[in-house]
Amino acid sequence: MNTAHTANDLHFSKILPKQRDLYYGGAWHKPLGGYIDTFNPASGENLGPCAEANEQDINLAVQAAKKAQIGWAKLKPLERAGMLKKVAQILRDNAFELALLDAANCGNPISEMQRDALIAAAQIDYYAGLATEIKGETIPMGDGILNYSVREPYGVCARIVAYNHPIMFTASKMAPPLITGNTVIMKPPYQAPLSSYRMMELLEGVLPPGVLNIVTGNLVAGQSLVKHPDIPRIALIGSVPTGRAIAKAGADQLKHITLELGGKNACIIYPDADLKKAIPAAVNGMNFTWCGQSCGSTSRLFIHTSVYDEVMAGVMEQVKNYVPGIPTDLKTTMGSIVSKAQWEKIMNYIEVAKGEGATLVHGGKAPKDPLLANGWFVEPTIFTNVTQKMRIANEEVFGPVLSVIRWDNEEDLIDQVNSVEYGLTASIWTQNLKNAHTTASRVQSGFVWVNHVSSHFIGASFGGYKQSGIGREEGFDEIYSYTQHKNIHMVL
């Protein structure tokens, strides 16, 4: 990480990207779709115009990527890996500045965001290291016959990513399609595109023209990517409604689709849990640092009746560590909501919860700090007396709203945990081996922590059950998902 600067001596305005156009075919191009302004959600400050790609722009980017793919696929795997490792090192060298841009553009605190580019670099290195492991197999068929399989790239792939980790998602998600010989078009979040522009300024000349392309824009850009006939492979990190729309649109051309979607995740505390560890985890798992704007947030806290009072007392103390503040300040422990629209959605859920009978015990409003008056801030919010029938216990708020549910019967607990349409993560706290194994096997979630919370692990595939997605990312499964399997039967 670049440690030459701190957030106190380097203002984000000094490193705003000079380029705000579309990047494809190894060059910057003025968007035919025009421009739209991006903002600092913590202050309301206009951060300037950004390219808004239309269908024509997307077609030009696809043609550039398609032209480059033939040559890219012919390169030796280790040559592709070497280039990706250079990309990873550039991200490391500029991690702080990229994080500062993200903090200013998406509202998450610089104290946390400065890890994002480093995580992306580590993931790129992981996939670069697998370059020679994308293997087929041979199948015995008898004398005079050779039967074998190979894995080949799809061609042009498109990836659409979310706003809560702009540089981490945009940078890391390029790696699996690229290392397998595909070219890729990345669409960063339209709410926070600045770090992606800066990334491409830094990466110019590292990869052959047309191999990595960046297009920014909102609905039109995304729809144009999904329906383009020369893009057979699409991936999304986003909401369930967006995932469903992409699946429907992609079905017309039988596109290969990966969806990493939302969650309404459970943190379960058993009476035998180590409460000194479980209590801070129950709060940390909510991801209040980035205002609960995380698909993996454990936004439903199930506490056994026998330890309920002790856990809630600890939770109320722990939540004091999260105080909304200016995201570009290193001291800030909780940032802002990404936009007015998302802020209004969260505030509406808070009012709905009150109306349904939940008890607001912490937060639930905008902070009074005058320095935050022009931004989209919400205090960390906790509701008790929540029942599983309430909307805040069933719908993804994607905000800093924690629902606390008391339990005493294990069968009822499992029924409630599994009653939602989501199934992304779960966190289980117990010192009983039987509870740990049994509950981990019964919860309908694709990623389960036992006596742990929130972490992802390089090489461990991440993804959800039910409406939380299709496919897996971050492990070997993802790299294979960017290849097509071909079987060759040869009579000698």
Protein backbone atom coordinates (compact mmCIF):
# COMPACT_ATOMS: atom_id res chain seq x y z
CA MET A 1 0.00 0.00 0.00
CA ASN A 2 1.16 3.52 -0.76
CA THR A 3 1.88 4.96 2.69
CA ALA A 4 3.35 8.26 1.51
CA HIS A 5 0.09 10.04 2.24
CA THR A 6 -2.66 10.01 4.82
CA ALA A 7 -6.23 11.17 4.49
CA ASN A 8 -5.30 14.22 6.53
CA ASP A 9 -2.68 15.55 4.11
CA LEU A 10 -4.13 14.38 0.78
CA HIS A 11 -7.61 15.60 -0.14
CA PHE A 12 -9.48 13.47 -2.65
CA SER A 13 -9.89 16.45 -4.96
CA LYS A 14 -6.16 16.29 -5.72
CA ILE A 15 -6.44 12.81 -7.20
CA LEU A 16 -9.71 12.97 -9.10
CA PRO A 17 -9.28 11.15 -12.43
CA LYS A 18 -8.57 13.31 -15.44
CA GLN A 19 -10.45 10.89 -17.66
CA ARG A 20 -14.24 10.52 -17.38
CA ASP A 21 -14.91 8.83 -20.73
CA LEU A 22 -15.37 5.22 -21.80
CA TYR A 23 -12.29 3.02 -22.07
CA TYR A 24 -12.30 0.32 -24.73
CA GLY A 25 -9.93 -0.92 -27.41
CA GLY A 26 -7.00 0.49 -25.45
CA ALA A 27 -8.17 4.13 -25.69
CA TRP A 28 -10.55 6.64 -24.14
CA HIS A 29 -13.68 7.48 -26.14
CA LYS A 30 -16.26 10.23 -25.75
CA PRO A 31 -19.61 8.65 -24.90
CA LEU A 32 -22.34 8.92 -27.49
CA GLY A 33 -24.77 8.67 -24.60
CA GLY A 34 -23.49 11.85 -22.96
CA TYR A 35 -22.57 12.46 -19.34
CA ILE A 36 -24.18 12.43 -15.92
CA ASP A 37 -22.83 13.97 -12.70
CA THR A 38 -21.57 11.91 -9.78
CA PHE A 39 -21.70 13.12 -6.19
CA ASN A 40 -20.13 12.83 -2.76
CA PRO A 41 -22.98 11.30 -0.71
CA ALA A 42 -21.50 12.57 2.56
CA SER A 43 -21.55 16.23 1.54
CA GLY A 44 -23.75 16.53 -1.54
CA GLU A 45 -20.75 17.92 -3.45
CA ASN A 46 -20.87 17.49 -7.20
CA LEU A 47 -17.77 15.56 -8.23
CA GLY A 48 -18.24 16.20 -11.93
CA PRO A 49 -19.58 14.53 -15.05
CA CYS A 50 -19.05 10.87 -15.89
CA ALA A 51 -19.66 9.00 -19.13
CA GLU A 52 -23.13 7.55 -19.65
CA ALA A 53 -22.86 4.75 -22.19
CA ASN A 54 -25.75 4.08 -24.55
CA GLU A 55 -26.42 1.07 -26.78
CA GLN A 56 -24.10 2.34 -29.53
CA ASP A 57 -21.29 2.86 -27.03
CA ILE A 58 -21.72 -0.66 -25.70
CA ASN A 59 -21.65 -2.11 -29.20
CA LEU A 60 -18.37 -0.33 -29.95
CA ALA A 61 -16.86 -1.63 -26.72
CA VAL A 62 -18.02 -5.17 -27.49
CA GLN A 63 -16.53 -5.07 -30.97
CA ALA A 64 -13.19 -3.90 -29.54
CA ALA A 65 -13.24 -6.68 -26.95
CA LYS A 66 -14.23 -9.27 -29.55
CA LYS A 67 -11.37 -8.25 -31.83
CA ALA A 68 -8.85 -8.47 -28.99
CA GLN A 69 -10.05 -11.81 -27.65
CA ILE A 70 -8.56 -13.98 -30.39
CA GLY A 71 -5.02 -12.80 -29.73
CA TRP A 72 -5.45 -12.77 -25.95
CA ALA A 73 -6.63 -16.40 -25.93
CA LYS A 74 -3.60 -17.45 -27.99
CA LEU A 75 -1.15 -16.11 -25.42
CA LYS A 76 0.50 -18.68 -23.17
CA PRO A 77 -1.32 -18.87 -19.83
CA LEU A 78 1.78 -17.77 -17.94
CA GLU A 79 2.05 -14.68 -20.15
CA ARG A 80 -1.49 -13.70 -19.22
CA ALA A 81 -0.65 -14.41 -15.58
CA GLY A 82 2.42 -12.18 -15.72
CA MET A 83 0.37 -9.25 -16.96
CA LEU A 84 -2.26 -9.75 -14.29
CA LYS A 85 0.42 -9.79 -11.60
CA LYS A 86 1.56 -6.38 -12.87
CA VAL A 87 -2.02 -5.18 -12.53
CA ALA A 88 -2.10 -6.45 -8.95
CA GLN A 89 1.11 -4.63 -8.06
CA ILE A 90 -0.15 -1.35 -9.51
CA LEU A 91 -3.26 -1.68 -7.36
CA ARG A 92 -1.10 -2.23 -4.28
CA ASP A 93 1.09 0.75 -5.07
CA ASN A 94 -1.94 3.02 -5.39
CA ALA A 95 -4.28 1.40 -2.88
CA PHE A 96 -4.65 4.41 -0.61
CA GLU A 97 -5.50 6.86 -3.37
CA LEU A 98 -8.04 4.50 -4.91
CA ALA A 99 -9.62 4.01 -1.49
CA LEU A 100 -9.78 7.76 -0.94
CA LEU A 101 -11.70 8.16 -4.19
CA ASP A 102 -14.10 5.42 -3.15
CA ALA A 103 -14.63 6.98 0.27
CA ALA A 104 -15.51 10.28 -1.37
CA ASN A 105 -17.72 8.73 -4.06
CA CYS A 106 -19.60 5.89 -2.32
CA GLY A 107 -19.55 7.10 1.29
CA ASN A 108 -17.76 4.23 3.02
CA PRO A 109 -14.99 5.15 5.49
CA ILE A 110 -11.41 5.39 4.25
CA SER A 111 -10.33 3.43 7.35
CA GLU A 112 -11.99 0.35 5.83
CA MET A 113 -11.84 1.11 2.12
CA GLN A 114 -8.05 1.27 2.02
CA ARG A 115 -8.05 -2.53 2.31
CA ASP A 116 -10.23 -2.98 -0.77
CA ALA A 117 -7.58 -2.46 -3.43
CA LEU A 118 -5.24 -4.75 -1.48
CA ILE A 119 -7.91 -7.46 -1.34
CA ALA A 120 -8.47 -7.05 -5.07
CA ALA A 121 -4.74 -7.38 -5.71
CA ALA A 122 -4.58 -10.55 -3.63
CA GLN A 123 -7.50 -12.05 -5.53
CA ILE A 124 -5.90 -11.19 -8.88
CA ASP A 125 -2.68 -12.86 -7.76
CA TYR A 126 -4.66 -15.93 -6.68
CA TYR A 127 -6.22 -16.32 -10.12
CA ALA A 128 -2.95 -15.54 -11.89
CA GLY A 129 -1.42 -18.38 -9.92
CA LEU A 130 -4.04 -20.78 -11.29
CA ALA A 131 -3.19 -20.03 -14.93
CA THR A 132 -1.82 -23.51 -15.59
CA GLU A 133 -4.48 -25.30 -13.54
CA ILE A 134 -7.32 -24.74 -16.01
CA LYS A 135 -7.07 -28.34 -17.13
CA GLY A 136 -9.14 -30.93 -18.93
CA GLU A 137 -8.87 -34.68 -18.53
CA THR A 138 -8.23 -37.86 -20.49
CA ILE A 139 -10.70 -40.73 -20.48
CA PRO A 140 -9.56 -44.33 -21.17
CA MET A 141 -11.26 -45.69 -24.31
CA GLY A 142 -9.02 -48.59 -25.30
CA ASP A 143 -6.25 -49.12 -27.82
CA GLY A 144 -6.11 -46.71 -30.77
CA ILE A 145 -8.47 -44.12 -29.28
CA LEU A 146 -7.70 -40.87 -27.48
CA ASN A 147 -10.55 -39.17 -25.65
CA TYR A 148 -9.76 -35.94 -23.87
CA SER A 149 -11.37 -32.69 -22.80
CA VAL A 150 -10.19 -29.10 -22.85
CA ARG A 151 -11.50 -25.88 -21.33
CA GLU A 152 -11.89 -22.93 -23.68
CA PRO A 153 -12.92 -19.30 -23.12
CA TYR A 154 -16.38 -17.99 -23.95
CA GLY A 155 -15.08 -14.91 -25.76
CA VAL A 156 -16.34 -11.54 -24.50
CA CYS A 157 -17.61 -11.46 -20.91
CA ALA A 158 -19.41 -8.65 -19.09
CA ARG A 159 -19.42 -8.02 -15.36
CA ILE A 160 -21.71 -5.56 -13.58
CA VAL A 161 -20.73 -4.72 -10.00
CA ALA A 162 -22.23 -3.02 -6.95
CA TYR A 163 -21.52 0.30 -5.27
CA ASN A 164 -20.50 -0.83 -1.79
CA HIS A 165 -16.95 -1.85 -2.82
CA PRO A 166 -16.31 -0.11 -6.18
CA ILE A 167 -12.58 -0.67 -6.69
CA MET A 168 -12.48 -4.08 -5.01
CA PHE A 169 -15.24 -5.45 -7.21
CA THR A 170 -14.21 -3.76 -10.45
CA ALA A 171 -10.57 -4.77 -10.10
CA SER A 172 -10.87 -8.28 -8.67
CA LYS A 173 -13.71 -9.48 -10.87
CA MET A 174 -11.74 -8.91 -14.06
CA ALA A 175 -9.30 -11.67 -13.11
CA PRO A 176 -11.26 -14.94 -13.62
CA PRO A 177 -12.42 -14.12 -17.18
CA LEU A 178 -9.05 -12.70 -18.18
CA ILE A 179 -6.86 -15.52 -16.91
CA THR A 180 -9.01 -18.04 -18.81
CA GLY A 181 -8.53 -16.24 -22.14
CA ASN A 182 -11.69 -14.16 -22.30
CA THR A 183 -11.74 -10.42 -22.76
CA VAL A 184 -13.92 -8.49 -20.35
CA ILE A 185 -16.13 -5.42 -20.19
CA MET A 186 -16.51 -4.14 -16.65
CA LYS A 187 -19.41 -1.89 -15.72
CA PRO A 188 -18.60 -0.15 -12.43
CA PRO A 189 -21.41 1.17 -10.22
CA TYR A 190 -22.98 4.27 -11.76
CA GLN A 191 -23.19 5.83 -8.28
CA ALA A 192 -19.42 5.58 -7.72
CA PRO A 193 -17.36 5.25 -10.92
CA LEU A 194 -14.40 7.51 -10.09
CA SER A 195 -11.98 4.86 -8.78
CA SER A 196 -12.52 2.81 -11.93
CA TYR A 197 -11.50 5.70 -14.16
CA ARG A 198 -8.41 6.25 -12.03
CA MET A 199 -7.61 2.54 -12.15
CA MET A 200 -7.64 2.57 -15.95
CA GLU A 201 -5.42 5.66 -16.02
CA LEU A 202 -2.93 3.68 -13.94
CA LEU A 203 -3.26 0.48 -15.99
CA GLU A 204 -2.95 1.94 -19.47
CA GLY A 205 -0.45 -0.07 -21.51
CA VAL A 206 -0.25 -3.02 -19.11
CA LEU A 207 -2.73 -5.20 -21.01
CA PRO A 208 -3.16 -5.46 -24.79
CA PRO A 209 -5.77 -3.08 -26.26
CA GLY A 210 -9.32 -4.34 -25.93
CA VAL A 211 -8.59 -6.96 -23.28
CA LEU A 212 -9.92 -4.92 -20.34
CA ASN A 213 -12.65 -2.38 -21.05
CA ILE A 214 -14.50 -0.05 -18.70
CA VAL A 215 -17.95 1.31 -19.53
CA THR A 216 -19.91 3.46 -17.11
CA GLY A 217 -23.59 4.20 -17.10
CA ASN A 218 -26.90 3.27 -15.54
CA LEU A 219 -29.83 1.20 -16.77
CA VAL A 220 -29.32 1.58 -20.53
CA ALA A 221 -25.68 0.52 -20.33
CA GLY A 222 -26.51 -2.54 -18.26
CA GLN A 223 -29.39 -3.61 -20.45
CA SER A 224 -27.30 -3.15 -23.58
CA LEU A 225 -24.59 -5.42 -22.20
CA VAL A 226 -27.06 -8.12 -21.21
CA LYS A 227 -28.86 -8.26 -24.54
CA HIS A 228 -25.80 -7.96 -26.80
CA PRO A 229 -25.51 -11.10 -28.96
CA ASP A 230 -21.69 -11.12 -28.81
CA ILE A 231 -21.58 -11.40 -25.02
CA PRO A 232 -22.33 -15.02 -24.05
CA ARG A 233 -21.29 -14.69 -20.38
CA ILE A 234 -22.69 -12.19 -17.86
CA ALA A 235 -22.09 -11.77 -14.12
CA LEU A 236 -23.75 -9.44 -11.64
CA ILE A 237 -23.16 -8.36 -8.07
CA GLY A 238 -26.37 -6.59 -7.15
CA SER A 239 -29.93 -6.79 -5.94
CA VAL A 240 -32.41 -9.63 -6.40
CA PRO A 241 -34.71 -7.57 -8.69
CA THR A 242 -31.76 -6.67 -10.93
CA GLY A 243 -30.64 -10.30 -10.97
CA ARG A 244 -34.09 -11.47 -11.99
CA ALA A 245 -34.21 -8.87 -14.77
CA ILE A 246 -30.83 -10.01 -16.10
CA ALA A 247 -31.85 -13.67 -15.94
CA LYS A 248 -35.02 -12.94 -17.92
CA ALA A 249 -33.21 -10.85 -20.53
CA GLY A 250 -30.36 -13.34 -20.84
CA ALA A 251 -32.74 -16.27 -21.27
CA ASP A 252 -33.65 -15.15 -24.79
CA GLN A 253 -30.08 -15.95 -25.89
CA LEU A 254 -29.38 -18.68 -23.29
CA LYS A 255 -26.55 -16.65 -21.82
CA HIS A 256 -24.37 -18.15 -19.11
CA ILE A 257 -25.09 -16.10 -16.00
CA THR A 258 -23.65 -15.78 -12.51
CA LEU A 259 -25.61 -13.77 -9.94
CA GLU A 260 -24.28 -12.74 -6.51
CA LEU A 261 -27.34 -11.13 -4.96
CA GLY A 262 -28.76 -10.02 -1.64
CA GLY A 263 -29.21 -11.57 1.76
CA LYS A 264 -31.28 -11.44 4.92
CA ASN A 265 -28.70 -13.21 6.97
CA ALA A 266 -28.93 -14.68 10.46
CA CYS A 267 -26.57 -14.46 13.40
CA ILE A 268 -27.55 -17.19 15.87
CA ILE A 269 -26.41 -17.09 19.49
CA TYR A 270 -26.79 -20.30 21.49
CA PRO A 271 -26.91 -20.27 25.30
CA ASP A 272 -23.46 -21.92 25.45
CA ALA A 273 -21.78 -19.35 23.20
CA ASP A 274 -18.66 -17.52 24.30
CA LEU A 275 -20.45 -14.21 24.81
CA LYS A 276 -17.27 -12.17 25.08
CA LYS A 277 -16.70 -13.00 21.41
CA ALA A 278 -20.30 -13.42 20.25
CA ILE A 279 -21.51 -9.99 21.38
CA PRO A 280 -19.02 -7.88 19.38
CA ALA A 281 -19.45 -10.26 16.46
CA ALA A 282 -23.22 -9.73 16.51
CA VAL A 283 -22.62 -6.01 16.00
CA ASN A 284 -19.64 -6.28 13.66
CA GLY A 285 -21.52 -8.75 11.47
CA MET A 286 -24.09 -6.05 10.75
CA ASN A 287 -21.34 -4.11 8.92
CA PHE A 288 -22.35 -0.79 10.44
CA THR A 289 -19.02 0.62 9.20
CA TRP A 290 -20.46 0.84 5.71
CA CYS A 291 -23.98 1.47 6.99
CA GLY A 292 -25.11 -2.10 6.55
CA GLN A 293 -24.70 -1.76 2.80
CA SER A 294 -23.41 -5.29 2.40
CA CYS A 295 -25.16 -8.38 1.04
CA GLY A 296 -23.49 -10.49 3.73
CA SER A 297 -24.62 -8.40 6.72
CA THR A 298 -26.13 -10.49 9.52
CA SER A 299 -29.16 -8.23 9.85
CA ARG A 300 -31.24 -10.74 11.86
CA LEU A 301 -29.87 -11.45 15.33
CA PHE A 302 -31.39 -14.54 16.98
CA ILE A 303 -30.60 -14.60 20.74
CA HIS A 304 -31.53 -17.48 23.03
CA THR A 305 -33.85 -16.38 25.84
CA SER A 306 -31.44 -17.54 28.57
CA VAL A 307 -28.73 -15.09 27.49
CA TYR A 308 -30.94 -12.44 25.89
CA ASP A 309 -30.53 -9.72 28.51
CA GLU A 310 -26.77 -10.12 28.75
CA VAL A 311 -26.31 -10.14 24.98
CA MET A 312 -28.55 -7.10 24.44
CA ALA A 313 -26.71 -5.13 27.12
CA GLY A 314 -23.45 -5.91 25.35
CA VAL A 315 -24.88 -5.10 21.92
CA MET A 316 -26.09 -1.70 23.12
CA GLU A 317 -22.60 -0.98 24.43
CA GLN A 318 -20.79 -2.23 21.31
CA VAL A 319 -22.93 -0.22 18.90
CA LYS A 320 -21.58 2.98 20.45
CA ASN A 321 -18.35 2.33 18.52
CA TYR A 322 -20.13 3.24 15.29
CA VAL A 323 -20.59 6.98 14.88
CA PRO A 324 -21.47 8.49 11.49
CA GLY A 325 -18.76 10.81 10.19
CA ILE A 326 -17.03 12.19 7.11
CA PRO A 327 -15.87 9.11 5.13
CA THR A 328 -12.51 10.57 4.08
CA ASP A 329 -11.49 11.12 7.72
CA LEU A 330 -9.37 8.24 9.06
CA LYS A 331 -11.11 8.52 12.44
CA THR A 332 -14.58 7.85 11.01
CA THR A 333 -16.08 4.52 12.05
CA MET A 334 -19.32 4.70 10.04
CA GLY A 335 -19.91 6.34 6.66
CA SER A 336 -22.88 7.56 4.70
CA ILE A 337 -25.61 5.98 2.59
CA VAL A 338 -24.68 6.00 -1.11
CA SER A 339 -27.59 8.13 -2.37
CA LYS A 340 -30.75 9.99 -1.49
CA ALA A 341 -32.90 7.25 -3.01
CA GLN A 342 -31.28 4.56 -0.83
CA TRP A 343 -31.48 6.81 2.25
CA GLU A 344 -35.21 7.33 1.71
CA LYS A 345 -35.71 3.57 1.29
CA ILE A 346 -33.97 2.89 4.61
CA MET A 347 -35.90 5.58 6.48
CA ASN A 348 -39.13 4.14 5.11
CA TYR A 349 -38.24 0.69 6.43
CA ILE A 350 -37.61 2.21 9.87
CA GLU A 351 -41.08 3.75 9.87
CA VAL A 352 -42.64 0.51 8.65
CA ALA A 353 -40.93 -1.39 11.49
CA LYS A 354 -42.34 1.02 14.06
CA GLY A 355 -45.78 0.64 12.52
CA GLU A 356 -45.61 -3.15 12.68
CA GLY A 357 -44.84 -3.09 16.40
CA ALA A 358 -41.04 -3.46 16.58
CA THR A 359 -39.35 -1.52 19.40
CA LEU A 360 -36.69 0.99 18.38
CA VAL A 361 -33.96 0.83 21.01
CA HIS A 362 -31.14 2.63 19.20
CA GLY A 363 -30.76 5.12 16.36
CA GLY A 364 -33.40 5.29 13.69
CA LYS A 365 -32.76 8.83 12.53
CA ALA A 366 -30.25 11.11 10.86
CA PRO A 367 -27.41 12.30 13.13
CA LYS A 368 -27.59 15.84 14.52
CA ASP A 369 -23.95 16.70 13.74
CA PRO A 370 -24.08 19.90 11.62
CA LEU A 371 -21.03 18.73 9.64
CA LEU A 372 -23.17 15.92 8.26
CA ALA A 373 -26.24 18.00 7.44
CA ASN A 374 -25.76 17.87 3.66
CA GLY A 375 -25.11 14.13 3.42
CA TRP A 376 -27.16 10.95 3.52
CA PHE A 377 -26.49 9.62 7.01
CA VAL A 378 -28.42 7.24 9.27
CA GLU A 379 -27.54 6.31 12.82
CA PRO A 380 -26.92 2.63 13.55
CA THR A 381 -30.42 1.32 14.18
CA ILE A 382 -31.55 -1.58 16.36
CA PHE A 383 -35.06 -2.97 16.75
CA THR A 384 -36.16 -5.48 19.41
CA ASN A 385 -39.47 -7.32 19.78
CA VAL A 386 -39.16 -8.24 16.12
CA THR A 387 -41.13 -11.20 14.80
CA GLN A 388 -40.28 -13.10 11.66
CA LYS A 389 -43.56 -11.96 10.10
CA MET A 390 -42.40 -8.32 10.02
CA ARG A 391 -41.04 -6.81 6.83
CA ILE A 392 -37.71 -5.83 8.41
CA ALA A 393 -37.18 -9.51 9.24
CA ASN A 394 -37.92 -10.67 5.70
CA GLU A 395 -36.80 -7.97 3.26
CA GLU A 396 -33.27 -6.78 2.60
CA VAL A 397 -33.02 -3.19 3.85
CA PHE A 398 -29.39 -2.75 2.71
CA GLY A 399 -28.93 -0.23 5.46
CA PRO A 400 -27.84 -0.04 9.13
CA VAL A 401 -30.94 -1.73 10.57
CA LEU A 402 -30.51 -4.73 12.89
CA SER A 403 -33.55 -6.86 13.82
CA VAL A 404 -33.31 -8.74 17.12
CA ILE A 405 -35.40 -11.90 17.56
CA ARG A 406 -35.64 -13.90 20.78
CA TRP A 407 -35.69 -17.73 20.54
CA ASP A 408 -35.98 -20.70 22.88
CA ASN A 409 -37.00 -23.66 20.67
CA GLU A 410 -34.41 -24.92 18.20
CA GLU A 411 -36.92 -26.25 15.67
CA ASP A 412 -38.73 -22.90 15.61
CA LEU A 413 -35.36 -21.16 15.29
CA ILE A 414 -34.36 -23.12 12.19
CA ASP A 415 -37.80 -22.58 10.65
CA GLN A 416 -37.50 -18.82 11.14
CA VAL A 417 -33.92 -18.63 9.89
CA ASN A 418 -34.88 -20.50 6.72
CA SER A 419 -38.23 -18.79 6.16
CA VAL A 420 -36.85 -15.92 4.06
CA GLU A 421 -36.31 -16.08 0.30
CA TYR A 422 -32.60 -15.40 0.73
CA GLY A 423 -29.78 -17.76 1.69
CA LEU A 424 -26.41 -16.04 1.47
CA THR A 425 -24.60 -16.15 4.82
CA ALA A 426 -25.14 -17.24 8.42
CA SER A 427 -23.14 -16.90 11.62
CA ILE A 428 -23.52 -19.47 14.41
CA TRP A 429 -22.18 -18.98 17.93
CA THR A 430 -21.83 -22.06 20.13
CA GLN A 431 -19.18 -24.04 21.98
CA ASN A 432 -21.14 -27.26 21.52
CA LEU A 433 -19.79 -29.37 18.65
CA LYS A 434 -23.17 -30.96 17.95
CA ASN A 435 -24.89 -27.56 17.74
CA ALA A 436 -22.18 -26.28 15.42
CA HIS A 437 -22.33 -29.15 12.93
CA THR A 438 -26.10 -29.67 13.05
CA THR A 439 -27.06 -26.03 12.66
CA ALA A 440 -24.47 -25.41 9.97
CA SER A 441 -25.97 -28.28 7.99
CA ARG A 442 -29.57 -27.14 8.50
CA VAL A 443 -29.36 -23.42 7.71
CA GLN A 444 -30.12 -22.75 4.06
CA SER A 445 -27.13 -20.52 3.34
CA GLY A 446 -24.24 -20.82 0.94
CA PHE A 447 -21.59 -19.41 3.29
CA VAL A 448 -21.60 -20.23 7.01
CA TRP A 449 -19.35 -19.01 9.80
CA VAL A 450 -19.15 -20.82 13.13
CA ASN A 451 -17.76 -18.66 15.94
CA HIS A 452 -16.76 -16.14 13.30
CA VAL A 453 -18.43 -13.52 11.14
CA SER A 454 -18.06 -11.33 8.02
CA SER A 455 -14.76 -12.59 6.60
CA HIS A 456 -14.21 -13.90 3.08
CA PHE A 457 -11.29 -16.20 2.37
CA ILE A 458 -9.33 -16.37 -0.86
CA GLY A 459 -9.93 -19.77 -2.43
CA ALA A 460 -13.19 -20.36 -0.53
CA SER A 461 -16.09 -20.13 -2.97
CA PHE A 462 -18.70 -17.54 -2.02
CA GLY A 463 -22.35 -17.53 -3.08
CA GLY A 464 -25.88 -18.12 -1.97
CA TYR A 465 -28.83 -20.47 -1.85
CA LYS A 466 -32.35 -19.63 -3.07
CA GLN A 467 -32.78 -16.03 -4.26
CA SER A 468 -29.30 -15.02 -3.09
CA GLY A 469 -27.77 -16.01 -6.38
CA ILE A 470 -26.60 -18.45 -8.99
CA GLY A 471 -23.05 -19.78 -9.11
CA ARG A 472 -20.01 -19.23 -6.90
CA GLU A 473 -17.21 -16.66 -6.84
CA GLU A 474 -13.81 -16.13 -5.20
CA GLY A 475 -12.64 -19.73 -5.54
CA PHE A 476 -11.78 -22.36 -8.12
CA ASP A 477 -15.45 -22.68 -9.07
CA GLU A 478 -15.39 -19.17 -10.47
CA ILE A 479 -12.43 -19.74 -12.73
CA TYR A 480 -14.06 -22.82 -14.28
CA SER A 481 -17.28 -20.87 -14.78
CA TYR A 482 -15.48 -18.72 -17.36
CA THR A 483 -14.59 -21.72 -19.50
CA GLN A 484 -16.55 -23.98 -21.84
CA HIS A 485 -15.96 -27.71 -21.67
CA LYS A 486 -15.09 -29.42 -24.94
CA ASN A 487 -14.68 -33.17 -25.35
CA ILE A 488 -12.54 -34.51 -28.21
CA HIS A 489 -12.75 -38.16 -29.30
CA MET A 490 -9.93 -39.15 -31.64
CA VAL A 491 -9.50 -42.48 -33.40
CA LEU A 492 -5.80 -42.85 -34.17
